[in-house]
Each structure stands twice: as structure tokens, then as C-alpha cells.
């Protein structure tokens, strides 16, 4: 079949199966689960893939899975991703009343798109005109939440990364993948670069005593106060950079008002637009905190975990994706990476090792991560996104997969998976005042 004929068949197939695709998204909206806990979500979506005749490799990165669609002809491996996890937002009107979980970032739509891609490729006959393999990968734990829980999983040896895509890379799930993309629900069509980040857990330790005789103790809260001021001064030194962010909270500032605190804890996140800046900021932050603790005669520990690598979208893959969107939906405005997002995503980790993009399509209302977040336009969110996912796969792998092969060969700025893991393990470290 000619490419245009294949795309027409895909469009008709997605339209015929619109109710089934929407049902997947709505089911997952009603059953949200946060990262590395998406047991029911993963089982449900994997089951839908098996109903289509696919073999599913389950329990990847604890709750993720991979289902391959093989054309039967040699060619590149394209990974299409969907995110499983929810946020925890107890004030959202439609959150799970027991857990506070809710898909206030649209990952239920991402799951529906993954299923829609499988339906569109398998039921349209498109595979007969394609080569290579499409790896449908359901990824857990994109949202950077529940750090104590995830740190506990690391200490138990169950994971090595707090972010799901990073953990999948560690486990070899992307070893054979040549290029990748995913779609995230938004209010525009496009793709955009993002910051990377690291996560910090800081513990200040002093000596408790009666608050009426503070000279008998060592005040850990004083150490944290000095550190907060040092961090503020550090932030000022980056005021000429529009994308660097340093933000955190005190998670425990003491237990009772008449006791000098002997332990104070803080959580912080550092965001920056390049790996070089992340590593520099990481070191400067640790020094500011640890020397502040030293000045207050306290001990301190800074535990660091890599959050996400900076997301640098692949321009040629983005162009193909955008051109396909404009062809499918005439009249849309597509953002070809015209703006930079200070927020972060673990799609950056994928884009660090293979050509990849993090696409956006319309359909949401409200503020992302907010209590007014909903799917406003199911047709756009579930059906148009599934169509764009599927049509882009067809475009890349049609015939001898020339577009996919060309993009896969463009590895400037990328690093190998072993080198990526070495960098992550270098970031994941603990520093103490004892080492100063």
C-alpha cells in the first residue's frame, strides 16, 4: 500500500475503536496509583495489550511492561512510551479518597494513547507496509513524589533510580531501542526541552536540651537556618540564568517548643538545563549546606539522588512529528521547541541515550498538578493523540524505514547507556560534614 493509503486506514481504524480507547483512559482516571505502586494500572493495561495478541514482559522497573509489535522484517526498533503513575493531590475533587491519588497530569491519557497505538497498528493492516519493531513500553514513576518510599526501595535493592524510565534503562529495557517518543496531554501541540534535576535529603544533627538553657545543647534548627541563608545567596549567584531553580522545604523542624531541636530535616530539588550545570550546582549546593552546618557546630548529611536528566528533544524527530501533526490536523499551531520548560521529566533520561522527543497534544483544562485539572476534550486527548502516535510510527518505519534509520544514526550529544549509568551513580551519593 502507498503511505497515504496506510495512513487513511490507520485513521479509520482509530475512529472505529474510539470508544474502546477512551474507555481505557477513563478507567485509569478512576483508578489512579502513584509511582512504583501502579499494580492495578499495569495489570489492566497489560491485559488490554494481551487481548490484542501481544506478548507482554511484565514487572519491569517493578510495575512497568514492554509489549513488542514485530513487523517480521528487519529494521529499527522504535519505542513508543506511555506513563502509568498518578500524582497525590488529596484536595482534588476526583482523587482516590483513601490514597489522595489522582491523574492531575494526564498520565491516564498517556496509557490510552499507548493502547490506541497498538490498536491502530495491529488492526489497520499498517504493519504489512512497515519494517522493524515497535516496542510499546509502559513506564512507571515519572512524577517525582514519595521520595522516602523510593529511597526505601533503593535501600532494599529493588530499584537503583527514583524515576521509572531511568530504572528501565538500568534494567536493559532500552538496550535494543534506536529511537523513541511519547505524547503528554497539554493545551497545545508541540514538543519542548526541559530542565533536569537532582533531589536532596538533608539531615542536621545537634544536641537536644531544655530550651531555657540552650547553652547546654547544639541547635540543629540554627544549622538549617544558616543553610537556608547560604542557599539563598547561592541562588542569587545564578540570577542571570533563567532556568536554574533551587527549591525545598523543612520536613521536620523539631518536636516540641521547649526542647532545643537535635535533628532537623529538609528536602530540596535542584533544576538546571544541562548536565554540566547540574553537576556544578550539585557540588556548590552541598558545600553551602555542609559548611553552614559546620559553622553552627552541627553535623549534617546530604543524600543526593538523580531525578531526571535534562530533556533535549531530537530536532529531526521533532520535525517529523510536527509535520505529521499538521498533516493530520490542518490549521493547528505546532510549537517546534520554541519555548523551554523549567519543569522536568524522565523522558530526558531516554533522550540522553537515544534520539527522542516528548510531544504534547491538546485536550486538558486547568492547571497541571492542580485541583482543577481534567480532560476537557476526550476526542483530542484520547483519539487525536492515539492517531498522531500511530501515524508517526508508520511514517518512521514505512517501507525500508529510511526516516527512522536516518534519525537513529544521528547521535551527536548522546552518550552510551553504560556511561549514562556511571554518571547517575556518580550523582547518587551521600556527603557529610565529617568529610570536610
Protein backbone atom coordinates (compact mmCIF):
# COMPACT_ATOMS: atom_id res chain seq x y z
CA UNK A 1 0.00 0.00 0.00
CA UNK A 2 1.08 3.57 -0.60
CA UNK A 3 1.92 5.57 2.52
CA UNK A 4 -1.16 7.80 2.19
CA UNK A 5 -3.40 4.74 1.89
CA UNK A 6 -1.84 3.26 5.03
CA UNK A 7 -2.43 6.49 6.93
CA UNK A 8 -6.07 6.56 5.81
CA UNK A 9 -6.50 3.00 7.07
CA UNK A 10 -4.91 3.96 10.41
CA UNK A 11 -7.21 6.96 10.76
CA UNK A 12 -10.31 4.85 10.03
CA UNK A 13 -9.17 2.16 12.48
CA UNK A 14 -8.59 4.63 15.30
CA UNK A 15 -12.02 6.17 14.63
CA UNK A 16 -13.75 2.76 14.72
CA UNK A 17 -12.09 1.95 18.04
CA UNK A 18 -12.53 5.37 19.63
CA UNK A 19 -14.88 4.14 22.34
CA UNK A 20 -12.52 1.36 23.41
CA UNK A 21 -9.54 3.73 23.53
CA UNK A 22 -11.48 6.29 25.53
CA UNK A 23 -12.66 3.58 27.92
CA UNK A 24 -9.04 2.74 28.77
CA UNK A 25 -8.26 6.36 29.62
CA UNK A 26 -11.40 6.79 31.70
CA UNK A 27 -10.85 3.52 33.58
CA UNK A 28 -7.33 4.55 34.56
CA UNK A 29 -8.54 8.04 35.54
CA UNK A 30 -10.87 6.37 38.02
CA UNK A 31 -8.17 4.04 39.39
CA UNK A 32 -5.05 6.20 39.97
CA UNK A 33 -1.89 4.85 41.57
CA UNK A 34 1.37 6.71 42.34
CA UNK A 35 4.82 5.68 41.11
CA UNK A 36 6.20 2.19 41.67
CA UNK A 37 2.75 1.31 43.06
CA UNK A 38 0.86 1.09 39.74
CA UNK A 39 -0.01 -2.58 40.22
CA UNK A 40 -3.65 -2.46 39.10
CA UNK A 41 -2.95 0.07 36.36
CA UNK A 42 -0.17 -2.02 34.87
CA UNK A 43 -2.14 -5.27 35.08
CA UNK A 44 -5.16 -3.67 33.42
CA UNK A 45 -3.20 -2.09 30.56
CA UNK A 46 -1.04 -5.17 30.01
CA UNK A 47 -4.21 -7.24 29.84
CA UNK A 48 -5.59 -4.95 27.13
CA UNK A 49 -2.38 -5.48 25.16
CA UNK A 50 -2.68 -9.25 25.52
CA UNK A 51 -6.26 -9.09 24.22
CA UNK A 52 -4.72 -7.74 21.01
CA UNK A 53 -2.49 -10.82 20.80
CA UNK A 54 0.70 -9.23 22.09
CA UNK A 55 3.16 -10.90 24.43
CA UNK A 56 3.89 -8.69 27.42
CA UNK A 57 7.07 -8.65 29.50
CA UNK A 58 5.81 -7.59 32.92
CA UNK A 59 7.38 -6.40 36.18
CA UNK A 60 9.97 -4.18 34.51
CA UNK A 61 11.11 -1.46 36.92
CA UNK A 62 8.69 -3.14 39.35
CA UNK A 63 5.43 -2.15 37.65
CA UNK A 64 6.30 -1.34 34.04
CA UNK A 65 5.98 -3.57 31.00
CA UNK A 66 7.01 -3.89 27.37
CA UNK A 67 4.96 -5.33 24.51
CA UNK A 68 6.62 -5.60 21.09
CA UNK A 69 4.88 -5.39 17.74
CA UNK A 70 7.21 -7.09 15.26
CA UNK A 71 6.63 -6.46 11.56
CA UNK A 72 8.59 -9.61 10.73
CA UNK A 73 11.08 -7.62 8.64
CA UNK A 74 14.44 -6.36 9.92
CA UNK A 75 14.69 -2.69 10.74
CA UNK A 76 14.99 -0.14 13.55
CA UNK A 77 13.34 -0.54 16.93
CA UNK A 78 11.02 2.36 17.78
CA UNK A 79 9.88 2.70 21.40
CA UNK A 80 6.53 4.41 21.98
CA UNK A 81 6.07 5.20 25.66
CA UNK A 82 3.12 5.64 27.99
CA UNK A 83 3.27 6.71 31.63
CA UNK A 84 1.42 4.77 34.33
CA UNK A 85 1.67 6.80 37.51
CA UNK A 86 -0.51 9.40 39.17
CA UNK A 87 0.11 12.31 41.49
CA UNK A 88 -1.06 12.56 45.09
CA UNK A 89 -3.36 15.56 45.46
CA UNK A 90 -5.85 14.97 48.29
CA UNK A 91 -7.80 18.19 47.60
CA UNK A 92 -8.67 17.22 44.02
CA UNK A 93 -12.42 16.54 43.82
CA UNK A 94 -11.92 13.23 42.00
CA UNK A 95 -8.91 11.84 43.84
CA UNK A 96 -8.92 8.40 45.41
CA UNK A 97 -10.35 9.17 48.84
CA UNK A 98 -8.09 6.66 50.60
CA UNK A 99 -4.77 7.49 48.95
CA UNK A 100 -5.26 11.02 47.58
CA UNK A 101 -4.00 9.77 44.20
CA UNK A 102 -5.27 11.45 41.02
CA UNK A 103 -4.11 11.76 37.40
CA UNK A 104 -3.76 15.55 37.60
CA UNK A 105 -1.02 15.42 34.97
CA UNK A 106 -2.84 13.32 32.36
CA UNK A 107 -0.97 10.04 32.51
CA UNK A 108 -4.25 8.19 32.13
CA UNK A 109 -4.32 9.73 28.65
CA UNK A 110 -0.78 8.54 28.04
CA UNK A 111 -1.88 4.99 28.85
CA UNK A 112 -4.85 5.27 26.50
CA UNK A 113 -2.54 6.55 23.75
CA UNK A 114 -0.27 3.53 24.20
CA UNK A 115 -3.26 1.21 23.82
CA UNK A 116 -4.55 3.27 20.89
CA UNK A 117 -1.19 2.94 19.15
CA UNK A 118 -1.35 -0.84 19.48
CA UNK A 119 -4.90 -0.89 18.11
CA UNK A 120 -4.05 1.44 15.24
CA UNK A 121 -1.03 -0.56 14.12
CA UNK A 122 -2.44 -4.06 14.57
CA UNK A 123 -6.00 -3.61 13.28
CA UNK A 124 -5.28 -1.31 10.33
CA UNK A 125 -3.01 -3.62 8.38
CA UNK A 126 -0.26 -0.97 8.52
CA UNK A 127 2.34 -3.50 9.67
CA UNK A 128 2.32 -5.13 6.22
CA UNK A 129 3.92 -1.95 4.82
CA UNK A 130 6.44 -1.41 7.61
CA UNK A 131 9.71 -2.92 8.81
CA UNK A 132 11.41 -3.16 12.17
CA UNK A 133 9.75 -3.35 15.55
CA UNK A 134 7.56 -1.12 17.71
CA UNK A 135 8.24 -1.50 21.44
CA UNK A 136 5.25 -0.32 23.46
CA UNK A 137 6.70 0.49 26.87
CA UNK A 138 4.56 1.36 29.88
CA UNK A 139 6.77 3.36 32.23
CA UNK A 140 6.24 3.79 35.99
CA UNK A 141 7.13 6.56 38.42
CA UNK A 142 7.59 9.65 36.25
CA UNK A 143 6.32 12.02 38.91
CA UNK A 144 8.99 12.97 41.46
CA UNK A 145 7.00 12.22 44.61
CA UNK A 146 7.17 9.97 47.70
CA UNK A 147 10.95 10.22 47.95
CA UNK A 148 11.14 8.39 51.27
CA UNK A 149 9.27 5.44 49.76
CA UNK A 150 11.50 5.34 46.69
CA UNK A 151 14.66 5.74 48.75
CA UNK A 152 13.46 2.77 50.76
CA UNK A 153 13.12 0.73 47.56
CA UNK A 154 16.69 1.67 46.64
CA UNK A 155 17.98 0.62 50.05
CA UNK A 156 16.13 -2.68 49.67
CA UNK A 157 17.87 -3.23 46.33
CA UNK A 158 14.61 -3.25 44.38
CA UNK A 159 15.48 -0.22 42.21
CA UNK A 160 18.53 1.92 41.52
CA UNK A 161 16.76 5.06 40.27
CA UNK A 162 13.87 7.05 41.67
CA UNK A 163 12.47 7.69 38.16
CA UNK A 164 10.88 4.89 36.18
CA UNK A 165 12.45 5.47 32.77
CA UNK A 166 15.88 5.69 34.36
CA UNK A 167 15.25 2.38 36.10
CA UNK A 168 14.10 0.81 32.82
CA UNK A 169 17.34 1.97 31.19
CA UNK A 170 19.29 0.38 34.05
CA UNK A 171 17.45 -2.90 33.53
CA UNK A 172 18.32 -3.06 29.83
CA UNK A 173 14.82 -2.40 28.52
CA UNK A 174 16.15 0.22 26.07
CA UNK A 175 19.30 -1.65 25.04
CA UNK A 176 17.93 -2.53 21.58
CA UNK A 177 15.91 0.66 21.05
CA UNK A 178 17.02 3.03 18.27
CA UNK A 179 14.66 5.98 18.79
CA UNK A 180 11.66 6.88 20.92
CA UNK A 181 8.82 9.30 21.52
CA UNK A 182 5.80 9.82 23.71
CA UNK A 183 2.85 12.20 23.95
CA UNK A 184 1.79 14.13 27.04
CA UNK A 185 -1.57 15.84 27.45
CA UNK A 186 -1.42 19.64 27.36
CA UNK A 187 -3.21 22.63 25.86
CA UNK A 188 -1.04 22.85 22.75
CA UNK A 189 0.59 20.74 20.05
CA UNK A 190 4.37 20.66 20.08
CA UNK A 191 7.49 19.46 21.84
CA UNK A 192 9.74 21.35 24.25
CA UNK A 193 13.06 20.93 26.02
CA UNK A 194 13.04 20.62 29.83
CA UNK A 195 15.34 21.05 32.80
CA UNK A 196 16.99 18.14 34.55
CA UNK A 197 17.10 17.83 38.32
CA UNK A 198 18.57 16.16 41.39
CA UNK A 199 16.82 15.51 44.70
CA UNK A 200 18.30 16.17 48.15
CA UNK A 201 17.53 14.92 51.62
CA UNK A 202 19.38 16.92 54.25
CA UNK A 203 19.71 15.95 57.92
CA UNK A 204 21.16 18.34 60.52
CA UNK A 205 22.13 16.79 63.86
CA UNK A 206 22.80 18.67 67.08
CA UNK A 207 22.21 18.00 70.78
CA UNK A 208 18.84 18.42 72.50
CA UNK A 209 18.36 20.16 75.84
CA UNK A 210 15.83 22.29 77.71
CA UNK A 211 15.08 25.43 75.71
CA UNK A 212 15.52 27.54 78.84
CA UNK A 213 19.20 26.53 78.94
CA UNK A 214 20.15 26.46 75.23
CA UNK A 215 23.85 26.70 76.09
CA UNK A 216 23.68 23.03 77.11
CA UNK A 217 22.72 21.89 73.64
CA UNK A 218 23.55 22.32 69.97
CA UNK A 219 20.62 23.67 67.95
CA UNK A 220 20.08 21.81 64.69
CA UNK A 221 17.48 24.38 63.67
CA UNK A 222 20.18 27.06 63.77
CA UNK A 223 22.21 24.99 61.33
CA UNK A 224 19.27 24.69 58.98
CA UNK A 225 18.64 28.45 59.23
CA UNK A 226 22.23 29.20 58.28
CA UNK A 227 21.93 26.73 55.43
CA UNK A 228 18.75 28.38 54.17
CA UNK A 229 20.57 31.72 54.03
CA UNK A 230 23.57 30.16 52.31
CA UNK A 231 21.24 28.57 49.74
CA UNK A 232 19.57 31.95 49.16
CA UNK A 233 22.96 33.53 48.45
CA UNK A 234 23.82 30.64 46.14
CA UNK A 235 20.54 31.18 44.30
CA UNK A 236 21.47 34.84 43.80
CA UNK A 237 24.68 33.80 42.03
CA UNK A 238 22.55 32.09 39.37
CA UNK A 239 20.17 35.02 38.89
CA UNK A 240 21.44 35.53 35.34
CA UNK A 241 20.27 32.02 34.36
CA UNK A 242 16.56 31.88 33.53
CA UNK A 243 16.23 28.15 34.05
CA UNK A 244 18.11 27.19 37.21
CA UNK A 245 15.78 26.52 40.12
CA UNK A 246 16.62 25.77 43.78
CA UNK A 247 13.63 24.99 45.96
CA UNK A 248 12.89 22.98 49.07
CA UNK A 249 11.05 22.56 52.35
CA UNK A 250 11.77 21.84 56.01
CA UNK A 251 10.17 18.45 56.63
CA UNK A 252 10.91 18.40 60.37
CA UNK A 253 11.98 21.41 62.41
CA UNK A 254 11.81 19.90 65.86
CA UNK A 255 9.24 18.17 68.04
CA UNK A 256 8.29 20.46 70.93
CA UNK A 257 8.83 24.13 71.54
CA UNK A 258 10.59 23.71 74.91
CA UNK A 259 13.30 21.41 73.56
CA UNK A 260 16.26 22.59 71.50
CA UNK A 261 15.97 20.51 68.28
CA UNK A 262 18.63 17.87 67.88
CA UNK A 263 17.52 16.86 64.38
CA UNK A 264 16.11 18.93 61.51
CA UNK A 265 15.44 17.59 58.03
CA UNK A 266 14.92 19.30 54.68
CA UNK A 267 14.07 18.12 51.16
CA UNK A 268 15.38 20.05 48.18
CA UNK A 269 15.30 19.87 44.41
CA UNK A 270 17.86 21.48 42.10
CA UNK A 271 16.92 22.05 38.44
CA UNK A 272 19.22 23.03 35.59
CA UNK A 273 19.16 22.90 31.76
CA UNK A 274 22.33 20.86 31.18
CA UNK A 275 24.19 18.02 32.82
CA UNK A 276 27.24 20.27 33.24
CA UNK A 277 25.18 22.84 35.17
CA UNK A 278 23.53 20.14 37.28
CA UNK A 279 26.89 18.72 38.37
CA UNK A 280 28.24 22.20 39.15
CA UNK A 281 25.14 23.26 41.08
CA UNK A 282 25.08 19.94 42.92
CA UNK A 283 28.60 20.44 44.30
CA UNK A 284 28.10 24.10 45.22
CA UNK A 285 24.82 23.36 46.99
CA UNK A 286 26.34 20.58 49.09
CA UNK A 287 29.26 22.78 50.12
CA UNK A 288 26.92 25.63 51.13
CA UNK A 289 24.81 23.32 53.30
CA UNK A 290 27.62 21.38 54.90
CA UNK A 291 29.76 24.41 55.75
CA UNK A 292 26.69 26.17 57.18
CA UNK A 293 26.15 23.18 59.45
CA UNK A 294 29.81 23.27 60.43
CA UNK A 295 29.53 26.95 61.30
CA UNK A 296 26.61 26.14 63.61
CA UNK A 297 28.70 23.38 65.23
CA UNK A 298 26.32 20.70 63.95
CA UNK A 299 26.79 17.58 61.91
CA UNK A 300 24.99 17.24 58.59
CA UNK A 301 24.34 14.66 55.90
CA UNK A 302 23.27 15.41 52.33
CA UNK A 303 21.84 12.45 50.44
CA UNK A 304 21.58 13.05 46.69
CA UNK A 305 19.56 11.09 44.16
CA UNK A 306 19.42 11.83 40.46
CA UNK A 307 15.93 12.88 39.49
CA UNK A 308 15.92 13.39 35.72
CA UNK A 309 18.42 14.22 33.03
CA UNK A 310 17.78 17.42 31.03
CA UNK A 311 15.46 16.75 28.10
CA UNK A 312 16.97 17.83 24.80
CA UNK A 313 14.49 16.83 22.10
CA UNK A 314 15.86 15.47 18.83
CA UNK A 315 15.16 18.18 16.22
CA UNK A 316 14.69 15.94 13.15
CA UNK A 317 12.42 13.54 15.00
CA UNK A 318 10.52 16.56 16.32
CA UNK A 319 10.17 17.95 12.81
CA UNK A 320 8.75 14.67 11.51
CA UNK A 321 6.35 14.54 14.46
CA UNK A 322 5.24 18.13 13.92
CA UNK A 323 4.79 17.73 10.18
CA UNK A 324 2.64 14.66 10.81
CA UNK A 325 0.51 16.58 13.32
CA UNK A 326 -0.03 19.42 10.83
CA UNK A 327 -0.92 16.93 8.11
CA UNK A 328 -3.43 15.09 10.29
CA UNK A 329 -4.97 18.18 11.89
CA UNK A 330 -4.87 21.06 9.38
CA UNK A 331 -4.88 24.51 10.93
CA UNK A 332 -3.21 23.65 14.24
CA UNK A 333 -0.29 25.66 15.58
CA UNK A 334 2.61 23.35 16.39
CA UNK A 335 5.36 24.52 18.75
CA UNK A 336 8.63 23.29 17.25
CA UNK A 337 10.57 23.60 20.52
CA UNK A 338 10.03 27.33 20.63
CA UNK A 339 9.98 27.52 24.42
CA UNK A 340 11.92 25.92 27.26
CA UNK A 341 10.21 24.33 30.28
CA UNK A 342 11.79 24.75 33.71
CA UNK A 343 9.92 21.62 34.82
CA UNK A 344 11.47 18.16 34.47
CA UNK A 345 10.61 14.73 33.08
CA UNK A 346 12.42 11.41 32.99
CA UNK A 347 11.94 11.39 29.22
CA UNK A 348 15.16 13.39 29.48
CA UNK A 349 16.93 10.23 30.56
CA UNK A 350 15.74 8.43 27.42
CA UNK A 351 16.75 11.39 25.24
CA UNK A 352 20.22 11.28 26.79
CA UNK A 353 20.95 7.84 25.33
CA UNK A 354 18.83 7.66 22.13
CA UNK A 355 17.16 10.18 19.78
CA UNK A 356 13.81 11.01 21.41
CA UNK A 357 11.14 13.65 21.82
CA UNK A 358 8.49 14.44 24.44
CA UNK A 359 5.47 15.55 22.44
CA UNK A 360 2.37 17.46 23.54
CA UNK A 361 -1.20 17.43 22.30
CA UNK A 362 -4.32 19.36 23.29
CA UNK A 363 -7.19 18.30 25.49
CA UNK A 364 -6.66 19.37 29.10
CA UNK A 365 -8.21 22.07 31.23
CA UNK A 366 -7.00 23.56 34.48
CA UNK A 367 -3.52 23.84 35.93
CA UNK A 368 -1.19 20.87 35.65
CA UNK A 369 -0.76 19.31 39.10
CA UNK A 370 -3.71 21.41 40.26
CA UNK A 371 -7.11 20.64 41.75
CA UNK A 372 -8.91 21.92 38.63
CA UNK A 373 -7.08 19.59 36.22
CA UNK A 374 -9.30 17.44 33.98
CA UNK A 375 -9.53 16.02 30.49
CA UNK A 376 -11.55 18.74 28.76
CA UNK A 377 -11.65 17.31 25.24
CA UNK A 378 -11.68 13.48 25.16
CA UNK A 379 -11.66 13.44 21.36
CA UNK A 380 -8.39 15.37 21.25
CA UNK A 381 -6.84 13.77 24.33
CA UNK A 382 -7.55 10.14 23.56
CA UNK A 383 -8.28 9.83 19.84
CA UNK A 384 -6.21 12.53 18.12
CA UNK A 385 -3.22 11.69 20.31
CA UNK A 386 -3.53 7.98 19.51
CA UNK A 387 -3.75 8.82 15.82
CA UNK A 388 -0.65 11.03 15.97
CA UNK A 389 1.25 8.34 17.88
CA UNK A 390 0.32 5.66 15.35
CA UNK A 391 0.76 7.74 12.20
CA UNK A 392 4.22 8.88 13.33
CA UNK A 393 5.25 5.24 13.83
CA UNK A 394 4.03 4.42 10.34
CA UNK A 395 5.90 7.39 8.85
CA UNK A 396 9.14 6.36 10.57
CA UNK A 397 9.02 2.65 9.74
CA UNK A 398 7.18 2.64 6.41
CA UNK A 399 8.90 0.69 3.63
CA UNK A 400 12.58 0.35 4.46
CA UNK A 401 12.24 2.74 7.44
CA UNK A 402 14.55 5.33 5.89
CA UNK A 403 13.43 8.18 8.21
CA UNK A 404 13.93 6.07 11.34
CA UNK A 405 17.33 4.84 10.18
CA UNK A 406 18.50 8.38 9.42
CA UNK A 407 17.39 9.69 12.82
CA UNK A 408 18.79 6.71 14.73
CA UNK A 409 22.21 7.36 13.19
CA UNK A 410 22.27 10.96 14.49
CA UNK A 411 23.87 10.53 17.92
CA UNK A 412 25.68 13.83 18.37
CA UNK A 413 25.48 14.83 22.02
CA UNK A 414 24.18 11.44 23.15
CA UNK A 415 26.01 9.06 25.46
CA UNK A 416 26.08 5.30 25.76
CA UNK A 417 23.87 3.53 28.28
CA UNK A 418 26.88 2.29 30.33
CA UNK A 419 28.23 5.85 30.52
CA UNK A 420 24.77 7.13 31.49
CA UNK A 421 24.62 4.66 34.37
CA UNK A 422 28.10 5.68 35.53
CA UNK A 423 27.01 9.33 35.62
CA UNK A 424 23.85 8.52 37.56
CA UNK A 425 25.80 6.51 40.09
CA UNK A 426 28.26 9.38 40.48
CA UNK A 427 25.37 11.75 41.29
CA UNK A 428 23.76 9.29 43.71
CA UNK A 429 26.00 9.84 46.70
CA UNK A 430 25.99 10.93 50.34
CA UNK A 431 28.17 13.73 51.70
CA UNK A 432 28.74 14.60 55.35
CA UNK A 433 30.39 17.28 57.45
CA UNK A 434 32.89 14.65 58.59
CA UNK A 435 34.42 14.66 55.13
CA UNK A 436 35.11 18.42 55.13
